[in-house]
């Protein structure tokens, strides 16, 4: 499961090397770090009984490219792993982004 987090990083790296644009890799890394930090804060607040980050905001961070960081945080912190509706939305975001990225990468070269 942790290996899934490396797939978009590898693709972004490959795209950056091929096109001279490193921004996809940088965006994914930045959003992943931000999302991992948000998960860590939310876990800390859950333990302490304090103010929590709304699930919709966590999903937004995942949707904006931070899902690899969320995947690492879920495993490392054991956070947001029990609630079925949250898991369903998380995996829909992951597989949806991987599907769209696969479509984009597989487009014919004459459309590039």
PDB file of N, CA and C in Angstrom:
ATOM      1  N   UNK A   1       0.822  -1.186   0.000  1.00  0.00           N
ATOM      2  CA  UNK A   1       0.000   0.000   0.000  1.00  0.00           C
ATOM      3  C   UNK A   1       0.869   1.255   0.000  1.00  0.00           C
ATOM      4  N   UNK A   2       1.965   1.247   0.720  1.00  0.00           N
ATOM      5  CA  UNK A   2       2.849   2.410   0.756  1.00  0.00           C
ATOM      6  C   UNK A   2       3.463   2.675  -0.620  1.00  0.00           C
ATOM      7  N   UNK A   3       3.645   1.626  -1.407  1.00  0.00           N
ATOM      8  CA  UNK A   3       4.221   1.792  -2.733  1.00  0.00           C
ATOM      9  C   UNK A   3       3.345   2.622  -3.652  1.00  0.00           C
ATOM     10  N   UNK A   4       2.032   2.645  -3.413  1.00  0.00           N
ATOM     11  CA  UNK A   4       1.133   3.460  -4.229  1.00  0.00           C
ATOM     12  C   UNK A   4       1.494   4.943  -4.149  1.00  0.00           C
ATOM     13  N   UNK A   5       2.017   5.354  -3.018  1.00  0.00           N
ATOM     14  CA  UNK A   5       2.386   6.761  -2.853  1.00  0.00           C
ATOM     15  C   UNK A   5       3.515   7.155  -3.788  1.00  0.00           C
ATOM     16  N   UNK A   6       4.314   6.198  -4.219  1.00  0.00           N
ATOM     17  CA  UNK A   6       5.444   6.497  -5.082  1.00  0.00           C
ATOM     18  C   UNK A   6       5.061   6.571  -6.559  1.00  0.00           C
ATOM     19  N   UNK A   7       3.915   6.033  -6.935  1.00  0.00           N
ATOM     20  CA  UNK A   7       3.516   6.019  -8.339  1.00  0.00           C
ATOM     21  C   UNK A   7       3.418   7.424  -8.923  1.00  0.00           C
ATOM     22  N   UNK A   8       2.634   8.336  -8.314  1.00  0.00           N
ATOM     23  CA  UNK A   8       2.551   9.666  -8.932  1.00  0.00           C
ATOM     24  C   UNK A   8       3.869  10.427  -8.865  1.00  0.00           C
ATOM     25  N   UNK A   9       4.662  10.175  -7.840  1.00  0.00           N
ATOM     26  CA  UNK A   9       5.958  10.841  -7.766  1.00  0.00           C
ATOM     27  C   UNK A   9       6.858  10.385  -8.907  1.00  0.00           C
ATOM     28  N   UNK A  10       6.820   9.100  -9.210  1.00  0.00           N
ATOM     29  CA  UNK A  10       7.607   8.581 -10.330  1.00  0.00           C
ATOM     30  C   UNK A  10       7.125   9.131 -11.655  1.00  0.00           C
ATOM     31  N   UNK A  11       5.809   9.176 -11.838  1.00  0.00           N
ATOM     32  CA  UNK A  11       5.260   9.734 -13.074  1.00  0.00           C
ATOM     33  C   UNK A  11       5.600  11.207 -13.217  1.00  0.00           C
ATOM     34  N   UNK A  12       5.454  11.942 -12.141  1.00  0.00           N
ATOM     35  CA  UNK A  12       5.759  13.375 -12.198  1.00  0.00           C
ATOM     36  C   UNK A  12       7.238  13.596 -12.486  1.00  0.00           C
ATOM     37  N   UNK A  13       8.071  12.774 -11.901  1.00  0.00           N
ATOM     38  CA  UNK A  13       9.502  12.867 -12.166  1.00  0.00           C
ATOM     39  C   UNK A  13       9.796  12.584 -13.627  1.00  0.00           C
ATOM     40  N   UNK A  14       9.181  11.528 -14.157  1.00  0.00           N
ATOM     41  CA  UNK A  14       9.385  11.177 -15.555  1.00  0.00           C
ATOM     42  C   UNK A  14       8.911  12.297 -16.467  1.00  0.00           C
ATOM     43  N   UNK A  15       7.752  12.863 -16.153  1.00  0.00           N
ATOM     44  CA  UNK A  15       7.227  13.967 -16.951  1.00  0.00           C
ATOM     45  C   UNK A  15       8.148  15.173 -16.876  1.00  0.00           C
ATOM     46  N   UNK A  16       8.683  15.428 -15.695  1.00  0.00           N
ATOM     47  CA  UNK A  16       9.579  16.561 -15.528  1.00  0.00           C
ATOM     48  C   UNK A  16      10.859  16.391 -16.315  1.00  0.00           C
ATOM     49  N   UNK A  17      11.407  15.195 -16.304  1.00  0.00           N
ATOM     50  CA  UNK A  17      12.630  14.937 -17.052  1.00  0.00           C
ATOM     51  C   UNK A  17      12.359  15.062 -18.544  1.00  0.00           C
ATOM     52  N   UNK A  18      11.230  14.541 -19.007  1.00  0.00           N
ATOM     53  CA  UNK A  18      10.913  14.550 -20.432  1.00  0.00           C
ATOM     54  C   UNK A  18      10.596  15.947 -20.947  1.00  0.00           C
ATOM     55  N   UNK A  19       9.888  16.728 -20.192  1.00  0.00           N
ATOM     56  CA  UNK A  19       9.421  18.016 -20.692  1.00  0.00           C
ATOM     57  C   UNK A  19      10.193  19.205 -20.138  1.00  0.00           C
ATOM     58  N   UNK A  20      11.079  18.956 -19.207  1.00  0.00           N
ATOM     59  CA  UNK A  20      11.810  20.057 -18.602  1.00  0.00           C
ATOM     60  C   UNK A  20      11.015  20.791 -17.538  1.00  0.00           C
ATOM     61  N   UNK A  21       9.848  20.270 -17.183  1.00  0.00           N
ATOM     62  CA  UNK A  21       9.018  20.907 -16.166  1.00  0.00           C
ATOM     63  C   UNK A  21       9.018  20.063 -14.905  1.00  0.00           C
ATOM     64  N   UNK A  22       9.520  20.628 -13.833  1.00  0.00           N
ATOM     65  CA  UNK A  22       9.562  19.906 -12.558  1.00  0.00           C
ATOM     66  C   UNK A  22       8.415  20.292 -11.644  1.00  0.00           C
ATOM     67  N   UNK A  23       7.555  21.203 -12.078  1.00  0.00           N
ATOM     68  CA  UNK A  23       6.495  21.668 -11.193  1.00  0.00           C
ATOM     69  C   UNK A  23       5.514  20.579 -10.774  1.00  0.00           C
ATOM     70  N   UNK A  24       5.214  19.566 -11.613  1.00  0.00           N
ATOM     71  CA  UNK A  24       4.285  18.541 -11.102  1.00  0.00           C
ATOM     72  C   UNK A  24       4.856  17.804  -9.890  1.00  0.00           C
ATOM     73  N   UNK A  25       6.124  17.458  -9.954  1.00  0.00           N
ATOM     74  CA  UNK A  25       6.755  16.776  -8.830  1.00  0.00           C
ATOM     75  C   UNK A  25       6.779  17.678  -7.602  1.00  0.00           C
ATOM     76  N   UNK A  26       7.148  18.932  -7.795  1.00  0.00           N
ATOM     77  CA  UNK A  26       7.186  19.871  -6.678  1.00  0.00           C
ATOM     78  C   UNK A  26       5.823  20.080  -6.043  1.00  0.00           C
ATOM     79  N   UNK A  27       4.788  20.166  -6.881  1.00  0.00           N
ATOM     80  CA  UNK A  27       3.429  20.349  -6.372  1.00  0.00           C
ATOM     81  C   UNK A  27       2.984  19.135  -5.559  1.00  0.00           C
ATOM     82  N   UNK A  28       3.254  17.951  -6.067  1.00  0.00           N
ATOM     83  CA  UNK A  28       2.853  16.736  -5.353  1.00  0.00           C
ATOM     84  C   UNK A  28       3.591  16.619  -4.024  1.00  0.00           C
ATOM     85  N   UNK A  29       4.885  16.906  -4.024  1.00  0.00           N
ATOM     86  CA  UNK A  29       5.662  16.825  -2.785  1.00  0.00           C
ATOM     87  C   UNK A  29       5.168  17.871  -1.787  1.00  0.00           C
ATOM     88  N   UNK A  30       4.959  19.098  -2.235  1.00  0.00           N
ATOM     89  CA  UNK A  30       4.487  20.161  -1.340  1.00  0.00           C
ATOM     90  C   UNK A  30       3.115  19.834  -0.757  1.00  0.00           C
ATOM     91  N   UNK A  31       2.187  19.422  -1.599  1.00  0.00           N
ATOM     92  CA  UNK A  31       0.844  19.094  -1.117  1.00  0.00           C
ATOM     93  C   UNK A  31       0.860  17.865  -0.212  1.00  0.00           C
ATOM     94  N   UNK A  32       1.744  16.914  -0.500  1.00  0.00           N
ATOM     95  CA  UNK A  32       1.846  15.727   0.349  1.00  0.00           C
ATOM     96  C   UNK A  32       2.373  16.086   1.734  1.00  0.00           C
ATOM     97  N   UNK A  33       3.366  16.956   1.790  1.00  0.00           N
ATOM     98  CA  UNK A  33       3.886  17.400   3.092  1.00  0.00           C
ATOM     99  C   UNK A  33       2.832  18.179   3.867  1.00  0.00           C
ATOM    100  N   UNK A  34       2.106  19.034   3.180  1.00  0.00           N
ATOM    101  CA  UNK A  34       1.041  19.805   3.825  1.00  0.00           C
ATOM    102  C   UNK A  34      -0.061  18.877   4.347  1.00  0.00           C
ATOM    103  N   UNK A  35      -0.425  17.885   3.552  1.00  0.00           N
ATOM    104  CA  UNK A  35      -1.470  16.948   3.951  1.00  0.00           C
ATOM    105  C   UNK A  35      -1.009  16.077   5.112  1.00  0.00           C
ATOM    106  N   UNK A  36       0.220  15.616   5.070  1.00  0.00           N
ATOM    107  CA  UNK A  36       0.760  14.817   6.171  1.00  0.00           C
ATOM    108  C   UNK A  36       0.752  15.626   7.461  1.00  0.00           C
ATOM    109  N   UNK A  37       1.127  16.900   7.368  1.00  0.00           N
ATOM    110  CA  UNK A  37       1.111  17.778   8.541  1.00  0.00           C
ATOM    111  C   UNK A  37      -0.314  17.960   9.069  1.00  0.00           C
ATOM    112  N   UNK A  38      -1.270  18.126   8.162  1.00  0.00           N
ATOM    113  CA  UNK A  38      -2.669  18.281   8.577  1.00  0.00           C
ATOM    114  C   UNK A  38      -3.172  17.016   9.270  1.00  0.00           C
ATOM    115  N   UNK A  39      -2.824  15.853   8.746  1.00  0.00           N
ATOM    116  CA  UNK A  39      -3.212  14.594   9.382  1.00  0.00           C
ATOM    117  C   UNK A  39      -2.594  14.478  10.770  1.00  0.00           C
ATOM    118  N   UNK A  40      -1.320  14.850  10.897  1.00  0.00           N
ATOM    119  CA  UNK A  40      -0.644  14.772  12.196  1.00  0.00           C
ATOM    120  C   UNK A  40      -1.316  15.708  13.203  1.00  0.00           C
ATOM    121  N   UNK A  41      -1.660  16.923  12.777  1.00  0.00           N
ATOM    122  CA  UNK A  41      -2.349  17.875  13.652  1.00  0.00           C
ATOM    123  C   UNK A  41      -3.709  17.324  14.081  1.00  0.00           C
ATOM    124  N   UNK A  42      -4.444  16.784  13.111  1.00  0.00           N
ATOM    125  CA  UNK A  42      -5.769  16.253  13.407  1.00  0.00           C
ATOM    126  C   UNK A  42      -5.688  15.070  14.367  1.00  0.00           C
ATOM    127  N   UNK A  43      -4.709  14.225  14.185  1.00  0.00           N
ATOM    128  CA  UNK A  43      -4.529  13.076  15.086  1.00  0.00           C
ATOM    129  C   UNK A  43      -4.201  13.572  16.496  1.00  0.00           C
ATOM    130  N   UNK A  44      -3.329  14.554  16.574  1.00  0.00           N
ATOM    131  CA  UNK A  44      -2.956  15.113  17.886  1.00  0.00           C
ATOM    132  C   UNK A  44      -4.176  15.707  18.590  1.00  0.00           C
ATOM    133  N   UNK A  45      -4.965  16.444  17.827  1.00  0.00           N
ATOM    134  CA  UNK A  45      -6.159  17.045  18.409  1.00  0.00           C
ATOM    135  C   UNK A  45      -7.201  15.994  18.779  1.00  0.00           C
ATOM    136  N   UNK A  46      -7.280  14.916  18.026  1.00  0.00           N
ATOM    137  CA  UNK A  46      -8.213  13.835  18.361  1.00  0.00           C
ATOM    138  C   UNK A  46      -7.836  13.198  19.689  1.00  0.00           C
ATOM    139  N   UNK A  47      -6.551  13.002  19.915  1.00  0.00           N
ATOM    140  CA  UNK A  47      -6.079  12.411  21.170  1.00  0.00           C
ATOM    141  C   UNK A  47      -6.336  13.362  22.335  1.00  0.00           C
ATOM    142  N   UNK A  48      -6.112  14.655  22.106  1.00  0.00           N
ATOM    143  CA  UNK A  48      -6.272  15.657  23.171  1.00  0.00           C
ATOM    144  C   UNK A  48      -7.710  16.131  23.353  1.00  0.00           C
ATOM    145  N   UNK A  49      -8.582  15.811  22.429  1.00  0.00           N
ATOM    146  CA  UNK A  49      -9.965  16.272  22.522  1.00  0.00           C
ATOM    147  C   UNK A  49     -10.139  17.714  22.107  1.00  0.00           C
ATOM    148  N   UNK A  50      -9.243  18.213  21.260  1.00  0.00           N
ATOM    149  CA  UNK A  50      -9.304  19.608  20.840  1.00  0.00           C
ATOM    150  C   UNK A  50      -9.985  19.792  19.498  1.00  0.00           C
ATOM    151  N   UNK A  51      -9.833  20.996  18.935  1.00  0.00           N
ATOM    152  CA  UNK A  51     -10.428  21.359  17.660  1.00  0.00           C
ATOM    153  C   UNK A  51      -9.848  20.488  16.560  1.00  0.00           C
ATOM    154  N   UNK A  52     -10.708  19.913  15.734  1.00  0.00           N
ATOM    155  CA  UNK A  52     -10.296  19.009  14.657  1.00  0.00           C
ATOM    156  C   UNK A  52     -10.422  19.689  13.307  1.00  0.00           C
ATOM    157  N   UNK A  53      -9.657  19.182  12.350  1.00  0.00           N
ATOM    158  CA  UNK A  53      -9.763  19.640  10.969  1.00  0.00           C
ATOM    159  C   UNK A  53     -10.954  18.915  10.342  1.00  0.00           C
ATOM    160  N   UNK A  54     -11.864  19.646   9.708  1.00  0.00           N
ATOM    161  CA  UNK A  54     -13.015  18.986   9.078  1.00  0.00           C
ATOM    162  C   UNK A  54     -12.570  17.984   8.008  1.00  0.00           C
ATOM    163  N   UNK A  55     -13.303  16.884   7.913  1.00  0.00           N
ATOM    164  CA  UNK A  55     -12.968  15.860   6.927  1.00  0.00           C
ATOM    165  C   UNK A  55     -12.988  16.413   5.513  1.00  0.00           C
ATOM    166  N   UNK A  56     -13.872  17.350   5.242  1.00  0.00           N
ATOM    167  CA  UNK A  56     -13.945  17.930   3.892  1.00  0.00           C
ATOM    168  C   UNK A  56     -12.646  18.650   3.528  1.00  0.00           C
ATOM    169  N   UNK A  57     -11.999  19.267   4.508  1.00  0.00           N
ATOM    170  CA  UNK A  57     -10.723  19.948   4.240  1.00  0.00           C
ATOM    171  C   UNK A  57      -9.606  18.941   3.999  1.00  0.00           C
ATOM    172  N   UNK A  58      -9.625  17.852   4.748  1.00  0.00           N
ATOM    173  CA  UNK A  58      -8.622  16.802   4.519  1.00  0.00           C
ATOM    174  C   UNK A  58      -8.791  16.212   3.124  1.00  0.00           C
ATOM    175  N   UNK A  59     -10.039  15.985   2.728  1.00  0.00           N
ATOM    176  CA  UNK A  59     -10.286  15.462   1.378  1.00  0.00           C
ATOM    177  C   UNK A  59      -9.872  16.471   0.308  1.00  0.00           C
ATOM    178  N   UNK A  60     -10.069  17.750   0.567  1.00  0.00           N
ATOM    179  CA  UNK A  60      -9.648  18.769  -0.395  1.00  0.00           C
ATOM    180  C   UNK A  60      -8.132  18.740  -0.577  1.00  0.00           C
ATOM    181  N   UNK A  61      -7.394  18.614   0.524  1.00  0.00           N
ATOM    182  CA  UNK A  61      -5.937  18.510   0.423  1.00  0.00           C
ATOM    183  C   UNK A  61      -5.531  17.286  -0.392  1.00  0.00           C
ATOM    184  N   UNK A  62      -6.212  16.175  -0.173  1.00  0.00           N
ATOM    185  CA  UNK A  62      -5.930  14.958  -0.942  1.00  0.00           C
ATOM    186  C   UNK A  62      -6.218  15.191  -2.420  1.00  0.00           C
ATOM    187  N   UNK A  63      -7.334  15.821  -2.703  1.00  0.00           N
ATOM    188  CA  UNK A  63      -7.753  16.073  -4.077  1.00  0.00           C
ATOM    189  C   UNK A  63      -6.797  17.021  -4.799  1.00  0.00           C
ATOM    190  N   UNK A  64      -6.191  17.930  -4.064  1.00  0.00           N
ATOM    191  CA  UNK A  64      -5.256  18.893  -4.656  1.00  0.00           C
ATOM    192  C   UNK A  64      -3.853  18.313  -4.846  1.00  0.00           C
ATOM    193  N   UNK A  65      -3.711  17.014  -4.674  1.00  0.00           N
ATOM    194  CA  UNK A  65      -2.436  16.362  -4.939  1.00  0.00           C
ATOM    195  C   UNK A  65      -1.738  15.827  -3.710  1.00  0.00           C
ATOM    196  N   UNK A  66      -2.342  15.963  -2.549  1.00  0.00           N
ATOM    197  CA  UNK A  66      -1.693  15.533  -1.324  1.00  0.00           C
ATOM    198  C   UNK A  66      -2.018  14.119  -0.886  1.00  0.00           C
ATOM    199  N   UNK A  67      -2.671  13.348  -1.753  1.00  0.00           N
ATOM    200  CA  UNK A  67      -3.048  11.996  -1.331  1.00  0.00           C
ATOM    201  C   UNK A  67      -1.852  11.091  -1.034  1.00  0.00           C
ATOM    202  N   UNK A  68      -0.684  11.248  -1.690  1.00  0.00           N
ATOM    203  CA  UNK A  68       0.435  10.391  -1.267  1.00  0.00           C
ATOM    204  C   UNK A  68       0.836  10.657   0.193  1.00  0.00           C
ATOM    205  N   UNK A  69       0.824  11.916   0.599  1.00  0.00           N
ATOM    206  CA  UNK A  69       1.112  12.259   1.988  1.00  0.00           C
ATOM    207  C   UNK A  69       0.056  11.723   2.932  1.00  0.00           C
ATOM    208  N   UNK A  70      -1.202  11.746   2.488  1.00  0.00           N
ATOM    209  CA  UNK A  70      -2.287  11.200   3.300  1.00  0.00           C
ATOM    210  C   UNK A  70      -2.135   9.693   3.452  1.00  0.00           C
ATOM    211  N   UNK A  71      -1.711   9.026   2.393  1.00  0.00           N
ATOM    212  CA  UNK A  71      -1.506   7.579   2.452  1.00  0.00           C
ATOM    213  C   UNK A  71      -0.411   7.235   3.455  1.00  0.00           C
ATOM    214  N   UNK A  72       0.666   7.987   3.424  1.00  0.00           N
ATOM    215  CA  UNK A  72       1.754   7.780   4.387  1.00  0.00           C
ATOM    216  C   UNK A  72       1.268   8.069   5.801  1.00  0.00           C
ATOM    217  N   UNK A  73       0.548   9.178   5.977  1.00  0.00           N
ATOM    218  CA  UNK A  73       0.058   9.560   7.306  1.00  0.00           C
ATOM    219  C   UNK A  73      -0.924   8.530   7.851  1.00  0.00           C
ATOM    220  N   UNK A  74      -1.810   8.020   7.006  1.00  0.00           N
ATOM    221  CA  UNK A  74      -2.773   7.015   7.456  1.00  0.00           C
ATOM    222  C   UNK A  74      -2.048   5.782   7.992  1.00  0.00           C
ATOM    223  N   UNK A  75      -1.006   5.384   7.313  1.00  0.00           N
ATOM    224  CA  UNK A  75      -0.272   4.201   7.746  1.00  0.00           C
ATOM    225  C   UNK A  75       0.599   4.509   8.973  1.00  0.00           C
ATOM    226  N   UNK A  76       1.326   5.602   8.905  1.00  0.00           N
ATOM    227  CA  UNK A  76       2.284   5.959   9.950  1.00  0.00           C
ATOM    228  C   UNK A  76       1.586   6.352  11.256  1.00  0.00           C
ATOM    229  N   UNK A  77       0.530   7.166  11.152  1.00  0.00           N
ATOM    230  CA  UNK A  77      -0.157   7.661  12.340  1.00  0.00           C
ATOM    231  C   UNK A  77      -1.343   6.794  12.749  1.00  0.00           C
ATOM    232  N   UNK A  78      -1.737   5.877  11.883  1.00  0.00           N
ATOM    233  CA  UNK A  78      -2.935   5.059  12.094  1.00  0.00           C
ATOM    234  C   UNK A  78      -4.145   5.976  12.356  1.00  0.00           C
ATOM    235  N   UNK A  79      -4.301   6.925  11.442  1.00  0.00           N
ATOM    236  CA  UNK A  79      -5.361   7.927  11.573  1.00  0.00           C
ATOM    237  C   UNK A  79      -6.259   7.873  10.347  1.00  0.00           C
ATOM    238  N   UNK A  80      -7.554   8.017  10.574  1.00  0.00           N
ATOM    239  CA  UNK A  80      -8.563   7.991   9.518  1.00  0.00           C
ATOM    240  C   UNK A  80      -8.568   6.645   8.796  1.00  0.00           C
ATOM    241  N   UNK A  81      -8.458   5.574   9.554  1.00  0.00           N
ATOM    242  CA  UNK A  81      -8.423   4.239   8.957  1.00  0.00           C
ATOM    243  C   UNK A  81      -9.667   3.420   9.273  1.00  0.00           C
ATOM    244  N   UNK A  82     -10.509   3.868  10.201  1.00  0.00           N
ATOM    245  CA  UNK A  82     -11.646   3.078  10.644  1.00  0.00           C
ATOM    246  C   UNK A  82     -12.973   3.480  10.013  1.00  0.00           C
ATOM    247  N   UNK A  83     -13.178   4.744   9.795  1.00  0.00           N
ATOM    248  CA  UNK A  83     -14.471   5.238   9.305  1.00  0.00           C
ATOM    249  C   UNK A  83     -14.636   4.882   7.828  1.00  0.00           C
ATOM    250  N   UNK A  84     -15.625   4.053   7.543  1.00  0.00           N
ATOM    251  CA  UNK A  84     -15.839   3.544   6.196  1.00  0.00           C
ATOM    252  C   UNK A  84     -16.102   4.611   5.154  1.00  0.00           C
ATOM    253  N   UNK A  85     -16.922   5.605   5.493  1.00  0.00           N
ATOM    254  CA  UNK A  85     -17.237   6.649   4.518  1.00  0.00           C
ATOM    255  C   UNK A  85     -16.004   7.484   4.175  1.00  0.00           C
ATOM    256  N   UNK A  86     -15.140   7.700   5.157  1.00  0.00           N
ATOM    257  CA  UNK A  86     -13.909   8.450   4.891  1.00  0.00           C
ATOM    258  C   UNK A  86     -12.989   7.644   3.980  1.00  0.00           C
ATOM    259  N   UNK A  87     -12.840   6.368   4.300  1.00  0.00           N
ATOM    260  CA  UNK A  87     -11.980   5.506   3.471  1.00  0.00           C
ATOM    261  C   UNK A  87     -12.480   5.435   2.039  1.00  0.00           C
ATOM    262  N   UNK A  88     -13.787   5.336   1.867  1.00  0.00           N
ATOM    263  CA  UNK A  88     -14.361   5.261   0.531  1.00  0.00           C
ATOM    264  C   UNK A  88     -14.047   6.515  -0.282  1.00  0.00           C
ATOM    265  N   UNK A  89     -14.213   7.675   0.317  1.00  0.00           N
ATOM    266  CA  UNK A  89     -13.894   8.928  -0.386  1.00  0.00           C
ATOM    267  C   UNK A  89     -12.403   9.042  -0.670  1.00  0.00           C
ATOM    268  N   UNK A  90     -11.581   8.641   0.297  1.00  0.00           N
ATOM    269  CA  UNK A  90     -10.129   8.701   0.110  1.00  0.00           C
ATOM    270  C   UNK A  90      -9.705   7.855  -1.082  1.00  0.00           C
ATOM    271  N   UNK A  91     -10.150   6.605  -1.113  1.00  0.00           N
ATOM    272  CA  UNK A  91      -9.742   5.712  -2.202  1.00  0.00           C
ATOM    273  C   UNK A  91     -10.356   6.134  -3.531  1.00  0.00           C
ATOM    274  N   UNK A  92     -11.515   6.756  -3.519  1.00  0.00           N
ATOM    275  CA  UNK A  92     -12.099   7.282  -4.763  1.00  0.00           C
ATOM    276  C   UNK A  92     -11.215   8.398  -5.318  1.00  0.00           C
ATOM    277  N   UNK A  93     -10.690   9.236  -4.440  1.00  0.00           N
ATOM    278  CA  UNK A  93      -9.780  10.305  -4.866  1.00  0.00           C
ATOM    279  C   UNK A  93      -8.501   9.704  -5.436  1.00  0.00           C
ATOM    280  N   UNK A  94      -7.917   8.749  -4.732  1.00  0.00           N
ATOM    281  CA  UNK A  94      -6.656   8.133  -5.178  1.00  0.00           C
ATOM    282  C   UNK A  94      -6.838   7.489  -6.546  1.00  0.00           C
ATOM    283  N   UNK A  95      -7.816   6.595  -6.672  1.00  0.00           N
ATOM    284  CA  UNK A  95      -7.990   5.870  -7.934  1.00  0.00           C
ATOM    285  C   UNK A  95      -8.463   6.789  -9.049  1.00  0.00           C
ATOM    286  N   UNK A  96      -9.253   7.795  -8.716  1.00  0.00           N
ATOM    287  CA  UNK A  96      -9.676   8.758  -9.727  1.00  0.00           C
ATOM    288  C   UNK A  96      -8.503   9.533 -10.293  1.00  0.00           C
ATOM    289  N   UNK A  97      -7.602   9.977  -9.418  1.00  0.00           N
ATOM    290  CA  UNK A  97      -6.441  10.715  -9.900  1.00  0.00           C
ATOM    291  C   UNK A  97      -5.488   9.820 -10.678  1.00  0.00           C
ATOM    292  N   UNK A  98      -5.302   8.595 -10.226  1.00  0.00           N
ATOM    293  CA  UNK A  98      -4.443   7.671 -10.973  1.00  0.00           C
ATOM    294  C   UNK A  98      -5.033   7.365 -12.354  1.00  0.00           C
ATOM    295  N   UNK A  99      -6.351   7.216 -12.424  1.00  0.00           N
ATOM    296  CA  UNK A  99      -7.018   6.961 -13.698  1.00  0.00           C
ATOM    297  C   UNK A  99      -6.829   8.138 -14.654  1.00  0.00           C
ATOM    298  N   UNK A 100      -7.083   9.355 -14.158  1.00  0.00           N
ATOM    299  CA  UNK A 100      -6.928  10.539 -15.008  1.00  0.00           C
ATOM    300  C   UNK A 100      -5.477  10.736 -15.441  1.00  0.00           C
ATOM    301  N   UNK A 101      -4.557  10.473 -14.542  1.00  0.00           N
ATOM    302  CA  UNK A 101      -3.150  10.584 -14.904  1.00  0.00           C
ATOM    303  C   UNK A 101      -2.782   9.545 -15.958  1.00  0.00           C
ATOM    304  N   UNK A 102      -3.295   8.334 -15.818  1.00  0.00           N
ATOM    305  CA  UNK A 102      -3.054   7.300 -16.818  1.00  0.00           C
ATOM    306  C   UNK A 102      -3.616   7.674 -18.176  1.00  0.00           C
ATOM    307  N   UNK A 103      -4.819   8.254 -18.198  1.00  0.00           N
ATOM    308  CA  UNK A 103      -5.389   8.716 -19.469  1.00  0.00           C
ATOM    309  C   UNK A 103      -4.520   9.790 -20.102  1.00  0.00           C
ATOM    310  N   UNK A 104      -4.069  10.724 -19.284  1.00  0.00           N
ATOM    311  CA  UNK A 104      -3.246  11.816 -19.799  1.00  0.00           C
ATOM    312  C   UNK A 104      -1.919  11.298 -20.345  1.00  0.00           C
ATOM    313  N   UNK A 105      -1.305  10.356 -19.636  1.00  0.00           N
ATOM    314  CA  UNK A 105      -0.024   9.817 -20.085  1.00  0.00           C
ATOM    315  C   UNK A 105      -0.158   8.941 -21.318  1.00  0.00           C
ATOM    316  N   UNK A 106      -1.309   8.334 -21.519  1.00  0.00           N
ATOM    317  CA  UNK A 106      -1.475   7.413 -22.637  1.00  0.00           C
ATOM    318  C   UNK A 106      -2.047   8.079 -23.891  1.00  0.00           C
ATOM    319  N   UNK A 107      -2.238   9.382 -23.861  1.00  0.00           N
ATOM    320  CA  UNK A 107      -2.795  10.038 -25.038  1.00  0.00           C
ATOM    321  C   UNK A 107      -1.812   9.919 -26.209  1.00  0.00           C
ATOM    322  N   UNK A 108      -2.332   9.889 -27.421  1.00  0.00           N
ATOM    323  CA  UNK A 108      -1.454   9.751 -28.592  1.00  0.00           C
ATOM    324  C   UNK A 108      -0.471  10.914 -28.676  1.00  0.00           C
ATOM    325  N   UNK A 109       0.722  10.632 -29.145  1.00  0.00           N
ATOM    326  CA  UNK A 109       1.772  11.648 -29.176  1.00  0.00           C
ATOM    327  C   UNK A 109       1.409  12.853 -30.046  1.00  0.00           C
ATOM    328  N   UNK A 110       0.557  12.665 -31.062  1.00  0.00           N
ATOM    329  CA  UNK A 110       0.209  13.775 -31.922  1.00  0.00           C
ATOM    330  C   UNK A 110      -0.772  14.739 -31.260  1.00  0.00           C
ATOM    331  N   UNK A 111      -1.342  14.341 -30.112  1.00  0.00           N
ATOM    332  CA  UNK A 111      -2.214  15.250 -29.363  1.00  0.00           C
ATOM    333  C   UNK A 111      -1.452  15.987 -28.274  1.00  0.00           C
ATOM    334  N   UNK A 112      -0.217  15.612 -28.049  1.00  0.00           N
ATOM    335  CA  UNK A 112       0.564  16.213 -26.970  1.00  0.00           C
ATOM    336  C   UNK A 112       0.954  17.639 -27.286  1.00  0.00           C
TER     337      UNK A 112
END
